[in-house]
Amino acid sequence: MARRYRNLIGKVTSLSNMEAALRLTAAGKRLTPGYLEFKEFSALNLADLARDMATGRYQAGEPHEFFILDPKRRLIQALPFRDRIAQQALCLVIGPIFDSAMLPRAYACRPGKGTHAGVIQLQSDLRREARAGDLYFLKTDFSRYFASIERSVLWRLIEAKISCKATLTLIQAMVPRSGIGLPIGSLTSQIFANVYAGATIDRHLQQDLGERLWYRYMDDLVVLGRSSEHLRALKDEIETYAARELGLRFSKWQVASVSRGVNFLGYRIWASHKLLRRDSVIRARRTIAALRARGDDERLHEFLAAWLGHASWADSGNLIKSLGLPQQWDKR
């Protein structure tokens, strides 16, 4: 039987954990009104927050909602500063518990994983497996993943690992037991959305179906196989399982030869090289042109620092030169 964790609330609300949560939450936020207001009486505010969390009196504040294009239009819910501290304190304790139960080929929101680790592993496997003959890939995306998560199913997964009543009460104040969907923009949503597929689809793929060459980043899934027929049958099995057990539907899927390149985590990946996805390049060109037209050098510098960090992991030297960047960026 899987281990269930008790007596966690003391760790969550301990002074050292709450102070660590404050430091992490404040990083990059030290000029925001929320931080400045909380900092004025930080010791008292932190003690009050810890007491509310420990006694079941904690209630989340109203989030600030806005939309981004990434590249789809997504609703983001930004929590008040106090609530971000509470979520950080909770996730510092429960995050490692859920992470320890995840399989190695899940790459989203995990220490030592991430997009580049996923890309490196996929390309490494492509190089090795392609030597043995024909190789194909299955690529799937779930439709409105965060918005489709059934909380009753999620709560069964949460309670399979945590039995501390006070901690469950705290989680319930952040993630209600009923309804559908998790908000994008909070730490708990990242962890629980990853658990939703990690404790179900990942295990079904590897333990029930015997697949070993798979790679998942939240709702993006890639599986390698020796025949397109096998991968098409696998697609039907995953789709049926996800709909029946999790209420998820595919928005799109593809089975093709790896010679076409595998689209995954912002790159098109072959055994020999990888390129940035075409839509990423188009958006970058448009953003650079718009910021130059406005003369917004500060925003342009910030965008280039982030985007070129992503681009540098691909074979992008000629692309970067074609963008006509200043000399300091050409040297990257």
C-alpha atoms as a PDB file:
ATOM      1  CA  MET A   1       0.000   0.000   0.000  1.00  0.00           C
ATOM      2  CA  ALA A   2       1.304   3.481  -0.879  1.00  0.00           C
ATOM      3  CA  ARG A   3       2.431   5.571   2.051  1.00  0.00           C
ATOM      4  CA  ARG A   4       0.063   8.278   3.303  1.00  0.00           C
ATOM      5  CA  TYR A   5       1.548  11.257   5.115  1.00  0.00           C
ATOM      6  CA  ARG A   6       0.215  12.444   8.481  1.00  0.00           C
ATOM      7  CA  ASN A   7       0.981  15.369  10.794  1.00  0.00           C
ATOM      8  CA  LEU A   8       2.121  17.719   8.045  1.00  0.00           C
ATOM      9  CA  ILE A   9       0.498  20.948   9.161  1.00  0.00           C
ATOM     10  CA  GLY A  10       3.198  21.637  11.761  1.00  0.00           C
ATOM     11  CA  LYS A  11       5.852  21.507   9.046  1.00  0.00           C
ATOM     12  CA  VAL A  12       3.776  23.684   6.718  1.00  0.00           C
ATOM     13  CA  THR A  13       3.213  26.429   9.295  1.00  0.00           C
ATOM     14  CA  SER A  14       6.564  26.264  11.098  1.00  0.00           C
ATOM     15  CA  LEU A  15       8.401  29.580  11.356  1.00  0.00           C
ATOM     16  CA  SER A  16      11.310  28.376   9.211  1.00  0.00           C
ATOM     17  CA  ASN A  17       9.002  27.143   6.445  1.00  0.00           C
ATOM     18  CA  MET A  18       6.868  30.293   6.494  1.00  0.00           C
ATOM     19  CA  GLU A  19       9.984  32.485   6.324  1.00  0.00           C
ATOM     20  CA  ALA A  20      11.299  30.420   3.408  1.00  0.00           C
ATOM     21  CA  ALA A  21       7.933  30.803   1.680  1.00  0.00           C
ATOM     22  CA  LEU A  22       8.081  34.577   2.182  1.00  0.00           C
ATOM     23  CA  ARG A  23      11.584  34.790   0.701  1.00  0.00           C
ATOM     24  CA  LEU A  24      10.613  32.754  -2.352  1.00  0.00           C
ATOM     25  CA  THR A  25       7.397  34.695  -2.885  1.00  0.00           C
ATOM     26  CA  ALA A  26       9.162  38.048  -2.522  1.00  0.00           C
ATOM     27  CA  ALA A  27      11.793  37.224  -5.147  1.00  0.00           C
ATOM     28  CA  GLY A  28      11.293  39.700  -7.977  1.00  0.00           C
ATOM     29  CA  LYS A  29       8.280  41.246  -6.190  1.00  0.00           C
ATOM     30  CA  ARG A  30       9.969  43.645  -3.780  1.00  0.00           C
ATOM     31  CA  LEU A  31       8.581  46.759  -5.416  1.00  0.00           C
ATOM     32  CA  THR A  32       4.998  45.529  -5.680  1.00  0.00           C
ATOM     33  CA  PRO A  33       2.276  47.017  -3.431  1.00  0.00           C
ATOM     34  CA  GLY A  34       1.427  43.537  -2.080  1.00  0.00           C
ATOM     35  CA  TYR A  35       4.968  42.913  -0.868  1.00  0.00           C
ATOM     36  CA  LEU A  36       5.419  46.407   0.569  1.00  0.00           C
ATOM     37  CA  GLU A  37       2.140  46.162   2.475  1.00  0.00           C
ATOM     38  CA  PHE A  38       2.960  42.718   3.891  1.00  0.00           C
ATOM     39  CA  LYS A  39       6.549  43.689   4.744  1.00  0.00           C
ATOM     40  CA  GLU A  40       5.527  46.632   6.929  1.00  0.00           C
ATOM     41  CA  PHE A  41       4.557  44.210   9.710  1.00  0.00           C
ATOM     42  CA  SER A  42       5.993  41.044   8.217  1.00  0.00           C
ATOM     43  CA  ALA A  43       6.590  39.121  11.461  1.00  0.00           C
ATOM     44  CA  LEU A  44       3.043  39.751  12.691  1.00  0.00           C
ATOM     45  CA  ASN A  45       1.490  39.130   9.269  1.00  0.00           C
ATOM     46  CA  LEU A  46       3.404  35.878   8.857  1.00  0.00           C
ATOM     47  CA  ALA A  47       2.368  34.673  12.327  1.00  0.00           C
ATOM     48  CA  ASP A  48      -1.288  35.543  11.650  1.00  0.00           C
ATOM     49  CA  LEU A  49      -1.175  33.726   8.316  1.00  0.00           C
ATOM     50  CA  ALA A  50       0.431  30.623   9.855  1.00  0.00           C
ATOM     51  CA  ARG A  51      -2.182  30.548  12.613  1.00  0.00           C
ATOM     52  CA  ASP A  52      -5.058  30.812  10.119  1.00  0.00           C
ATOM     53  CA  MET A  53      -3.540  28.013   8.022  1.00  0.00           C
ATOM     54  CA  ALA A  54      -3.031  25.738  11.044  1.00  0.00           C
ATOM     55  CA  THR A  55      -6.471  26.265  12.595  1.00  0.00           C
ATOM     56  CA  GLY A  56      -8.601  25.987   9.453  1.00  0.00           C
ATOM     57  CA  ARG A  57      -9.511  29.686   9.355  1.00  0.00           C
ATOM     58  CA  TYR A  58      -7.518  30.423   6.211  1.00  0.00           C
ATOM     59  CA  GLN A  59      -9.550  31.771   3.295  1.00  0.00           C
ATOM     60  CA  ALA A  60      -8.083  32.708  -0.066  1.00  0.00           C
ATOM     61  CA  GLY A  61      -8.468  36.262  -1.347  1.00  0.00           C
ATOM     62  CA  GLU A  62      -9.876  37.303  -4.706  1.00  0.00           C
ATOM     63  CA  PRO A  63      -7.405  36.804  -7.561  1.00  0.00           C
ATOM     64  CA  HIS A  64      -6.588  39.396 -10.191  1.00  0.00           C
ATOM     65  CA  GLU A  65      -7.663  37.987 -13.548  1.00  0.00           C
ATOM     66  CA  PHE A  66      -6.190  38.773 -16.964  1.00  0.00           C
ATOM     67  CA  PHE A  67      -5.594  37.090 -20.305  1.00  0.00           C
ATOM     68  CA  ILE A  68      -2.340  36.261 -22.078  1.00  0.00           C
ATOM     69  CA  LEU A  69      -1.540  34.830 -25.511  1.00  0.00           C
ATOM     70  CA  ASP A  70       0.887  31.899 -25.034  1.00  0.00           C
ATOM     71  CA  PRO A  71       0.212  31.249 -27.953  1.00  0.00           C
ATOM     72  CA  LYS A  72      -3.406  30.400 -27.103  1.00  0.00           C
ATOM     73  CA  ARG A  73      -5.564  32.866 -25.206  1.00  0.00           C
ATOM     74  CA  ARG A  74      -5.384  31.839 -21.543  1.00  0.00           C
ATOM     75  CA  LEU A  75      -7.040  33.228 -18.429  1.00  0.00           C
ATOM     76  CA  ILE A  76      -4.493  33.843 -15.652  1.00  0.00           C
ATOM     77  CA  GLN A  77      -5.513  34.244 -12.006  1.00  0.00           C
ATOM     78  CA  ALA A  78      -2.863  36.083  -9.981  1.00  0.00           C
ATOM     79  CA  LEU A  79      -3.373  35.623  -6.244  1.00  0.00           C
ATOM     80  CA  PRO A  80      -2.818  38.322  -3.619  1.00  0.00           C
ATOM     81  CA  PHE A  81       0.677  38.320  -2.079  1.00  0.00           C
ATOM     82  CA  ARG A  82      -0.535  36.787   1.206  1.00  0.00           C
ATOM     83  CA  ASP A  83      -2.121  33.858  -0.622  1.00  0.00           C
ATOM     84  CA  ARG A  84       1.000  33.242  -2.674  1.00  0.00           C
ATOM     85  CA  ILE A  85       2.951  32.888   0.582  1.00  0.00           C
ATOM     86  CA  ALA A  86       0.384  30.374   1.856  1.00  0.00           C
ATOM     87  CA  GLN A  87       0.609  28.324  -1.336  1.00  0.00           C
ATOM     88  CA  GLN A  88       4.394  28.462  -1.317  1.00  0.00           C
ATOM     89  CA  ALA A  89       4.514  27.244   2.293  1.00  0.00           C
ATOM     90  CA  LEU A  90       2.156  24.373   1.489  1.00  0.00           C
ATOM     91  CA  CYS A  91       4.006  23.378  -1.694  1.00  0.00           C
ATOM     92  CA  LEU A  92       7.404  23.391   0.030  1.00  0.00           C
ATOM     93  CA  VAL A  93       6.124  20.483   2.124  1.00  0.00           C
ATOM     94  CA  ILE A  94       3.741  18.570  -0.150  1.00  0.00           C
ATOM     95  CA  GLY A  95       5.672  19.150  -3.379  1.00  0.00           C
ATOM     96  CA  PRO A  96       8.413  16.612  -2.567  1.00  0.00           C
ATOM     97  CA  ILE A  97       5.764  14.100  -1.413  1.00  0.00           C
ATOM     98  CA  PHE A  98       3.998  14.097  -4.765  1.00  0.00           C
ATOM     99  CA  ASP A  99       7.231  14.407  -6.739  1.00  0.00           C
ATOM    100  CA  SER A 100       8.591  11.232  -5.168  1.00  0.00           C
ATOM    101  CA  ALA A 101       5.647   9.302  -6.628  1.00  0.00           C
ATOM    102  CA  MET A 102       6.105  10.635 -10.183  1.00  0.00           C
ATOM    103  CA  LEU A 103       7.737   8.568 -12.897  1.00  0.00           C
ATOM    104  CA  PRO A 104      11.058   9.796 -14.344  1.00  0.00           C
ATOM    105  CA  ARG A 105       9.687  10.726 -17.777  1.00  0.00           C
ATOM    106  CA  ALA A 106       7.354  13.443 -16.478  1.00  0.00           C
ATOM    107  CA  TYR A 107       9.229  16.735 -16.901  1.00  0.00           C
ATOM    108  CA  ALA A 108       6.895  19.572 -15.879  1.00  0.00           C
ATOM    109  CA  CYS A 109       7.331  21.564 -12.656  1.00  0.00           C
ATOM    110  CA  ARG A 110       9.814  19.196 -11.026  1.00  0.00           C
ATOM    111  CA  PRO A 111      13.276  19.767  -9.523  1.00  0.00           C
ATOM    112  CA  GLY A 112      15.972  18.591 -11.902  1.00  0.00           C
ATOM    113  CA  LYS A 113      13.525  18.253 -14.799  1.00  0.00           C
ATOM    114  CA  GLY A 114      12.029  20.957 -17.041  1.00  0.00           C
ATOM    115  CA  THR A 115      11.787  21.617 -20.763  1.00  0.00           C
ATOM    116  CA  HIS A 116      15.462  21.246 -21.626  1.00  0.00           C
ATOM    117  CA  ALA A 117      15.788  17.954 -19.734  1.00  0.00           C
ATOM    118  CA  GLY A 118      12.808  16.622 -21.678  1.00  0.00           C
ATOM    119  CA  VAL A 119      14.243  17.735 -25.007  1.00  0.00           C
ATOM    120  CA  ILE A 120      17.680  16.253 -24.212  1.00  0.00           C
ATOM    121  CA  GLN A 121      16.197  12.885 -23.226  1.00  0.00           C
ATOM    122  CA  LEU A 122      13.974  12.711 -26.304  1.00  0.00           C
ATOM    123  CA  GLN A 123      16.840  13.542 -28.661  1.00  0.00           C
ATOM    124  CA  SER A 124      19.132  11.063 -26.921  1.00  0.00           C
ATOM    125  CA  ASP A 125      16.554   8.297 -27.370  1.00  0.00           C
ATOM    126  CA  LEU A 126      16.004   9.270 -31.002  1.00  0.00           C
ATOM    127  CA  ARG A 127      19.721   8.865 -31.689  1.00  0.00           C
ATOM    128  CA  ARG A 128      19.878   5.452 -30.047  1.00  0.00           C
ATOM    129  CA  GLU A 129      16.595   3.988 -31.258  1.00  0.00           C
ATOM    130  CA  ALA A 130      16.886   5.209 -34.866  1.00  0.00           C
ATOM    131  CA  ARG A 131      19.901   2.945 -35.359  1.00  0.00           C
ATOM    132  CA  ALA A 132      17.687  -0.145 -35.017  1.00  0.00           C
ATOM    133  CA  GLY A 133      15.346   0.683 -37.904  1.00  0.00           C
ATOM    134  CA  ASP A 134      12.173   2.615 -38.646  1.00  0.00           C
ATOM    135  CA  LEU A 135      10.934   4.804 -35.808  1.00  0.00           C
ATOM    136  CA  TYR A 136       7.681   6.705 -35.418  1.00  0.00           C
ATOM    137  CA  PHE A 137       6.197   9.082 -32.870  1.00  0.00           C
ATOM    138  CA  LEU A 138       2.783   9.758 -31.393  1.00  0.00           C
ATOM    139  CA  LYS A 139       2.193  13.360 -30.286  1.00  0.00           C
ATOM    140  CA  THR A 140      -0.963  14.325 -28.377  1.00  0.00           C
ATOM    141  CA  ASP A 141      -2.336  17.452 -26.743  1.00  0.00           C
ATOM    142  CA  PHE A 142      -5.278  17.540 -24.362  1.00  0.00           C
ATOM    143  CA  SER A 143      -7.981  20.116 -24.910  1.00  0.00           C
ATOM    144  CA  ARG A 144      -8.225  22.822 -22.197  1.00  0.00           C
ATOM    145  CA  TYR A 145      -6.267  20.674 -19.773  1.00  0.00           C
ATOM    146  CA  PHE A 146      -6.355  22.835 -16.635  1.00  0.00           C
ATOM    147  CA  ALA A 147      -9.973  23.799 -17.232  1.00  0.00           C
ATOM    148  CA  SER A 148     -11.004  20.138 -17.694  1.00  0.00           C
ATOM    149  CA  ILE A 149      -9.556  18.651 -14.500  1.00  0.00           C
ATOM    150  CA  GLU A 150     -12.288  16.967 -12.474  1.00  0.00           C
ATOM    151  CA  ARG A 151     -11.644  17.933  -8.867  1.00  0.00           C
ATOM    152  CA  SER A 152     -13.365  14.879  -7.409  1.00  0.00           C
ATOM    153  CA  VAL A 153     -10.839  12.691  -9.251  1.00  0.00           C
ATOM    154  CA  LEU A 154      -7.978  14.978  -8.225  1.00  0.00           C
ATOM    155  CA  TRP A 155      -9.022  14.785  -4.576  1.00  0.00           C
ATOM    156  CA  ARG A 156      -8.891  11.003  -4.629  1.00  0.00           C
ATOM    157  CA  LEU A 157      -5.287  11.312  -5.784  1.00  0.00           C
ATOM    158  CA  ILE A 158      -4.520  13.901  -3.090  1.00  0.00           C
ATOM    159  CA  GLU A 159      -6.009  11.793  -0.318  1.00  0.00           C
ATOM    160  CA  ALA A 160      -4.125   8.738  -1.553  1.00  0.00           C
ATOM    161  CA  LYS A 161      -0.943  10.504  -0.376  1.00  0.00           C
ATOM    162  CA  ILE A 162      -2.044  12.826   2.449  1.00  0.00           C
ATOM    163  CA  SER A 163      -4.099  11.925   5.523  1.00  0.00           C
ATOM    164  CA  CYS A 164      -3.352  14.982   7.711  1.00  0.00           C
ATOM    165  CA  LYS A 165      -6.801  16.516   8.269  1.00  0.00           C
ATOM    166  CA  ALA A 166      -5.532  20.044   8.900  1.00  0.00           C
ATOM    167  CA  THR A 167      -3.434  19.971   5.726  1.00  0.00           C
ATOM    168  CA  LEU A 168      -6.387  18.637   3.726  1.00  0.00           C
ATOM    169  CA  THR A 169      -8.522  21.474   5.130  1.00  0.00           C
ATOM    170  CA  LEU A 170      -5.887  23.957   3.988  1.00  0.00           C
ATOM    171  CA  ILE A 171      -5.730  22.413   0.520  1.00  0.00           C
ATOM    172  CA  GLN A 172      -9.517  22.520   0.311  1.00  0.00           C
ATOM    173  CA  ALA A 173      -9.427  26.279   0.970  1.00  0.00           C
ATOM    174  CA  MET A 174      -7.259  26.580  -2.131  1.00  0.00           C
ATOM    175  CA  VAL A 175      -8.733  23.808  -4.306  1.00  0.00           C
ATOM    176  CA  PRO A 176     -12.433  23.033  -3.706  1.00  0.00           C
ATOM    177  CA  ARG A 177     -13.470  19.383  -3.753  1.00  0.00           C
ATOM    178  CA  SER A 178     -16.297  19.797  -6.246  1.00  0.00           C
ATOM    179  CA  GLY A 179     -16.459  21.229  -9.719  1.00  0.00           C
ATOM    180  CA  ILE A 180     -14.165  21.172 -12.711  1.00  0.00           C
ATOM    181  CA  GLY A 181     -10.980  23.053 -13.473  1.00  0.00           C
ATOM    182  CA  LEU A 182      -7.869  24.504 -11.846  1.00  0.00           C
ATOM    183  CA  PRO A 183      -6.838  28.143 -12.263  1.00  0.00           C
ATOM    184  CA  ILE A 184      -3.682  28.873 -14.237  1.00  0.00           C
ATOM    185  CA  GLY A 185      -1.196  30.956 -12.289  1.00  0.00           C
ATOM    186  CA  SER A 186      -0.882  29.298  -8.882  1.00  0.00           C
ATOM    187  CA  LEU A 187       1.656  26.881  -7.407  1.00  0.00           C
ATOM    188  CA  THR A 188      -0.949  24.384  -6.254  1.00  0.00           C
ATOM    189  CA  SER A 189      -2.393  24.237  -9.766  1.00  0.00           C
ATOM    190  CA  GLN A 190       1.030  23.370 -11.197  1.00  0.00           C
ATOM    191  CA  ILE A 191       1.595  20.551  -8.713  1.00  0.00           C
ATOM    192  CA  PHE A 192      -1.906  19.101  -8.844  1.00  0.00           C
ATOM    193  CA  ALA A 193      -2.249  19.360 -12.637  1.00  0.00           C
ATOM    194  CA  ASN A 194       1.000  17.414 -12.915  1.00  0.00           C
ATOM    195  CA  VAL A 195      -0.233  14.818 -10.407  1.00  0.00           C
ATOM    196  CA  TYR A 196      -3.530  14.469 -12.302  1.00  0.00           C
ATOM    197  CA  ALA A 197      -1.796  12.962 -15.328  1.00  0.00           C
ATOM    198  CA  GLY A 198       1.271  11.647 -13.510  1.00  0.00           C
ATOM    199  CA  ALA A 199      -0.599   9.314 -11.166  1.00  0.00           C
ATOM    200  CA  THR A 200      -2.901   8.079 -13.926  1.00  0.00           C
ATOM    201  CA  ILE A 201      -1.875   8.375 -17.574  1.00  0.00           C
ATOM    202  CA  ASP A 202       1.868   7.994 -16.900  1.00  0.00           C
ATOM    203  CA  ARG A 203       1.353   4.826 -14.869  1.00  0.00           C
ATOM    204  CA  HIS A 204      -1.159   3.430 -17.343  1.00  0.00           C
ATOM    205  CA  LEU A 205       1.328   3.994 -20.171  1.00  0.00           C
ATOM    206  CA  GLN A 206       4.343   2.484 -18.450  1.00  0.00           C
ATOM    207  CA  GLN A 207       2.960  -0.103 -16.050  1.00  0.00           C
ATOM    208  CA  ASP A 208      -0.195  -1.322 -17.794  1.00  0.00           C
ATOM    209  CA  LEU A 209       0.703  -0.856 -21.461  1.00  0.00           C
ATOM    210  CA  GLY A 210       4.453  -1.461 -21.149  1.00  0.00           C
ATOM    211  CA  GLU A 211       5.584   1.664 -23.025  1.00  0.00           C
ATOM    212  CA  ARG A 212       9.102   2.779 -22.146  1.00  0.00           C
ATOM    213  CA  LEU A 213       9.830   5.592 -24.631  1.00  0.00           C
ATOM    214  CA  TRP A 214       7.402   8.299 -23.573  1.00  0.00           C
ATOM    215  CA  TYR A 215       7.833  11.931 -22.527  1.00  0.00           C
ATOM    216  CA  ARG A 216       5.234  14.158 -20.866  1.00  0.00           C
ATOM    217  CA  TYR A 217       5.293  17.827 -20.005  1.00  0.00           C
ATOM    218  CA  MET A 218       1.963  18.610 -18.295  1.00  0.00           C
ATOM    219  CA  ASP A 219      -0.586  17.920 -21.059  1.00  0.00           C
ATOM    220  CA  ASP A 220       1.885  17.429 -23.924  1.00  0.00           C
ATOM    221  CA  LEU A 221       2.720  13.764 -24.526  1.00  0.00           C
ATOM    222  CA  VAL A 222       5.110  12.090 -26.969  1.00  0.00           C
ATOM    223  CA  VAL A 223       5.563   8.320 -27.382  1.00  0.00           C
ATOM    224  CA  LEU A 224       8.105   6.625 -29.685  1.00  0.00           C
ATOM    225  CA  GLY A 225       7.350   3.305 -31.357  1.00  0.00           C
ATOM    226  CA  ARG A 226       8.424   0.945 -34.124  1.00  0.00           C
ATOM    227  CA  SER A 227       5.212   1.079 -36.183  1.00  0.00           C
ATOM    228  CA  SER A 228       2.574   3.656 -36.968  1.00  0.00           C
ATOM    229  CA  GLU A 229      -0.119   0.994 -36.504  1.00  0.00           C
ATOM    230  CA  HIS A 230       0.987   0.362 -32.922  1.00  0.00           C
ATOM    231  CA  LEU A 231       1.017   4.075 -32.118  1.00  0.00           C
ATOM    232  CA  ARG A 232      -2.427   4.631 -33.636  1.00  0.00           C
ATOM    233  CA  ALA A 233      -3.812   1.821 -31.484  1.00  0.00           C
ATOM    234  CA  LEU A 234      -2.012   3.334 -28.500  1.00  0.00           C
ATOM    235  CA  LYS A 235      -3.577   6.708 -29.254  1.00  0.00           C
ATOM    236  CA  ASP A 236      -7.047   5.124 -29.167  1.00  0.00           C
ATOM    237  CA  GLU A 237      -6.253   3.418 -25.850  1.00  0.00           C
ATOM    238  CA  ILE A 238      -4.947   6.612 -24.219  1.00  0.00           C
ATOM    239  CA  GLU A 239      -7.871   8.631 -25.532  1.00  0.00           C
ATOM    240  CA  THR A 240     -10.399   6.121 -24.193  1.00  0.00           C
ATOM    241  CA  TYR A 241      -8.662   5.868 -20.821  1.00  0.00           C
ATOM    242  CA  ALA A 242      -8.310   9.650 -20.403  1.00  0.00           C
ATOM    243  CA  ALA A 243     -11.965  10.257 -21.274  1.00  0.00           C
ATOM    244  CA  ARG A 244     -13.249   7.494 -19.002  1.00  0.00           C
ATOM    245  CA  GLU A 245     -11.039   8.069 -15.968  1.00  0.00           C
ATOM    246  CA  LEU A 246     -10.184  11.772 -16.138  1.00  0.00           C
ATOM    247  CA  GLY A 247     -12.736  13.532 -18.327  1.00  0.00           C
ATOM    248  CA  LEU A 248     -10.017  14.646 -20.769  1.00  0.00           C
ATOM    249  CA  ARG A 249     -10.248  14.926 -24.556  1.00  0.00           C
ATOM    250  CA  PHE A 250      -7.553  15.338 -27.197  1.00  0.00           C
ATOM    251  CA  SER A 251      -7.466  18.647 -29.003  1.00  0.00           C
ATOM    252  CA  LYS A 252      -5.098  17.218 -31.620  1.00  0.00           C
ATOM    253  CA  TRP A 253      -2.820  14.270 -32.222  1.00  0.00           C
ATOM    254  CA  GLN A 254      -0.286  13.096 -34.782  1.00  0.00           C
ATOM    255  CA  VAL A 255       1.444   9.851 -35.752  1.00  0.00           C
ATOM    256  CA  ALA A 256       4.382  10.253 -38.128  1.00  0.00           C
ATOM    257  CA  SER A 257       7.922   9.135 -38.904  1.00  0.00           C
ATOM    258  CA  VAL A 258      10.619  10.734 -36.756  1.00  0.00           C
ATOM    259  CA  SER A 259      12.264  11.801 -40.022  1.00  0.00           C
ATOM    260  CA  ARG A 260       9.749  14.655 -40.041  1.00  0.00           C
ATOM    261  CA  GLY A 261      10.970  15.940 -36.697  1.00  0.00           C
ATOM    262  CA  VAL A 262       9.119  15.700 -33.383  1.00  0.00           C
ATOM    263  CA  ASN A 263       7.396  18.882 -32.185  1.00  0.00           C
ATOM    264  CA  PHE A 264       7.904  18.998 -28.429  1.00  0.00           C
ATOM    265  CA  LEU A 265       8.426  21.789 -25.883  1.00  0.00           C
ATOM    266  CA  GLY A 266       8.941  24.553 -28.418  1.00  0.00           C
ATOM    267  CA  TYR A 267      11.394  22.684 -30.647  1.00  0.00           C
ATOM    268  CA  ARG A 268      11.276  20.442 -33.697  1.00  0.00           C
ATOM    269  CA  ILE A 269      13.621  17.613 -32.796  1.00  0.00           C
ATOM    270  CA  TRP A 270      15.586  15.174 -34.948  1.00  0.00           C
ATOM    271  CA  ALA A 271      18.299  12.732 -33.914  1.00  0.00           C
ATOM    272  CA  SER A 272      20.923  14.969 -35.539  1.00  0.00           C
ATOM    273  CA  HIS A 273      19.691  18.458 -34.648  1.00  0.00           C
ATOM    274  CA  LYS A 274      16.798  20.530 -33.386  1.00  0.00           C
ATOM    275  CA  LEU A 275      15.200  23.748 -34.581  1.00  0.00           C
ATOM    276  CA  LEU A 276      12.848  26.272 -33.066  1.00  0.00           C
ATOM    277  CA  ARG A 277       9.246  25.735 -34.010  1.00  0.00           C
ATOM    278  CA  ARG A 278       8.098  27.925 -36.875  1.00  0.00           C
ATOM    279  CA  ASP A 279       5.331  29.597 -34.874  1.00  0.00           C
ATOM    280  CA  SER A 280       7.858  30.543 -32.171  1.00  0.00           C
ATOM    281  CA  VAL A 281      10.072  32.235 -34.762  1.00  0.00           C
ATOM    282  CA  ILE A 282       7.132  34.109 -36.291  1.00  0.00           C
ATOM    283  CA  ARG A 283       5.990  35.394 -32.880  1.00  0.00           C
ATOM    284  CA  ALA A 284       9.538  36.431 -31.994  1.00  0.00           C
ATOM    285  CA  ARG A 285       9.960  38.395 -35.230  1.00  0.00           C
ATOM    286  CA  ARG A 286       6.645  40.165 -34.666  1.00  0.00           C
ATOM    287  CA  THR A 287       7.465  41.009 -31.053  1.00  0.00           C
ATOM    288  CA  ILE A 288      10.927  42.334 -31.909  1.00  0.00           C
ATOM    289  CA  ALA A 289       9.519  44.450 -34.752  1.00  0.00           C
ATOM    290  CA  ALA A 290       6.758  45.869 -32.532  1.00  0.00           C
ATOM    291  CA  LEU A 291       9.117  46.763 -29.681  1.00  0.00           C
ATOM    292  CA  ARG A 292      11.585  48.380 -32.074  1.00  0.00           C
ATOM    293  CA  ALA A 293       8.781  50.400 -33.671  1.00  0.00           C
ATOM    294  CA  ARG A 294       7.761  51.690 -30.238  1.00  0.00           C
ATOM    295  CA  GLY A 295      11.350  52.394 -29.253  1.00  0.00           C
ATOM    296  CA  ASP A 296      10.866  50.320 -26.105  1.00  0.00           C
ATOM    297  CA  ASP A 297      14.497  49.287 -25.574  1.00  0.00           C
ATOM    298  CA  GLU A 298      13.942  48.037 -22.017  1.00  0.00           C
ATOM    299  CA  ARG A 299      11.167  45.631 -22.979  1.00  0.00           C
ATOM    300  CA  LEU A 300      13.146  44.567 -26.057  1.00  0.00           C
ATOM    301  CA  HIS A 301      16.154  43.731 -23.883  1.00  0.00           C
ATOM    302  CA  GLU A 302      13.993  41.702 -21.491  1.00  0.00           C
ATOM    303  CA  PHE A 303      12.326  39.808 -24.339  1.00  0.00           C
ATOM    304  CA  LEU A 304      15.616  39.016 -26.070  1.00  0.00           C
ATOM    305  CA  ALA A 305      17.184  37.771 -22.839  1.00  0.00           C
ATOM    306  CA  ALA A 306      14.358  35.270 -22.368  1.00  0.00           C
ATOM    307  CA  TRP A 307      13.774  34.262 -25.982  1.00  0.00           C
ATOM    308  CA  LEU A 308      17.432  33.893 -26.914  1.00  0.00           C
ATOM    309  CA  GLY A 309      17.976  31.739 -23.851  1.00  0.00           C
ATOM    310  CA  HIS A 310      15.352  29.420 -25.329  1.00  0.00           C
ATOM    311  CA  ALA A 311      16.715  29.735 -28.879  1.00  0.00           C
ATOM    312  CA  SER A 312      20.283  28.960 -27.828  1.00  0.00           C
ATOM    313  CA  TRP A 313      19.284  25.357 -27.080  1.00  0.00           C
ATOM    314  CA  ALA A 314      18.496  24.848 -30.779  1.00  0.00           C
ATOM    315  CA  ASP A 315      20.593  25.092 -33.938  1.00  0.00           C
ATOM    316  CA  SER A 316      19.685  28.751 -34.326  1.00  0.00           C
ATOM    317  CA  GLY A 317      22.896  30.617 -35.224  1.00  0.00           C
ATOM    318  CA  ASN A 318      21.753  31.657 -38.707  1.00  0.00           C
ATOM    319  CA  LEU A 319      18.295  32.561 -37.408  1.00  0.00           C
ATOM    320  CA  ILE A 320      19.705  34.854 -34.707  1.00  0.00           C
ATOM    321  CA  LYS A 321      21.940  36.594 -37.262  1.00  0.00           C
ATOM    322  CA  SER A 322      18.947  37.105 -39.572  1.00  0.00           C
ATOM    323  CA  LEU A 323      17.116  39.040 -36.870  1.00  0.00           C
ATOM    324  CA  GLY A 324      19.575  41.917 -37.130  1.00  0.00           C
ATOM    325  CA  LEU A 325      20.258  42.085 -33.411  1.00  0.00           C
ATOM    326  CA  PRO A 326      22.785  44.412 -31.750  1.00  0.00           C
ATOM    327  CA  GLN A 327      26.343  43.106 -31.424  1.00  0.00           C
ATOM    328  CA  GLN A 328      26.012  41.916 -27.828  1.00  0.00           C
ATOM    329  CA  TRP A 329      23.178  39.588 -28.842  1.00  0.00           C
ATOM    330  CA  ASP A 330      24.940  38.293 -31.989  1.00  0.00           C
ATOM    331  CA  LYS A 331      27.638  36.808 -29.789  1.00  0.00           C
ATOM    332  CA  ARG A 332      25.283  34.546 -27.927  1.00  0.00           C
END
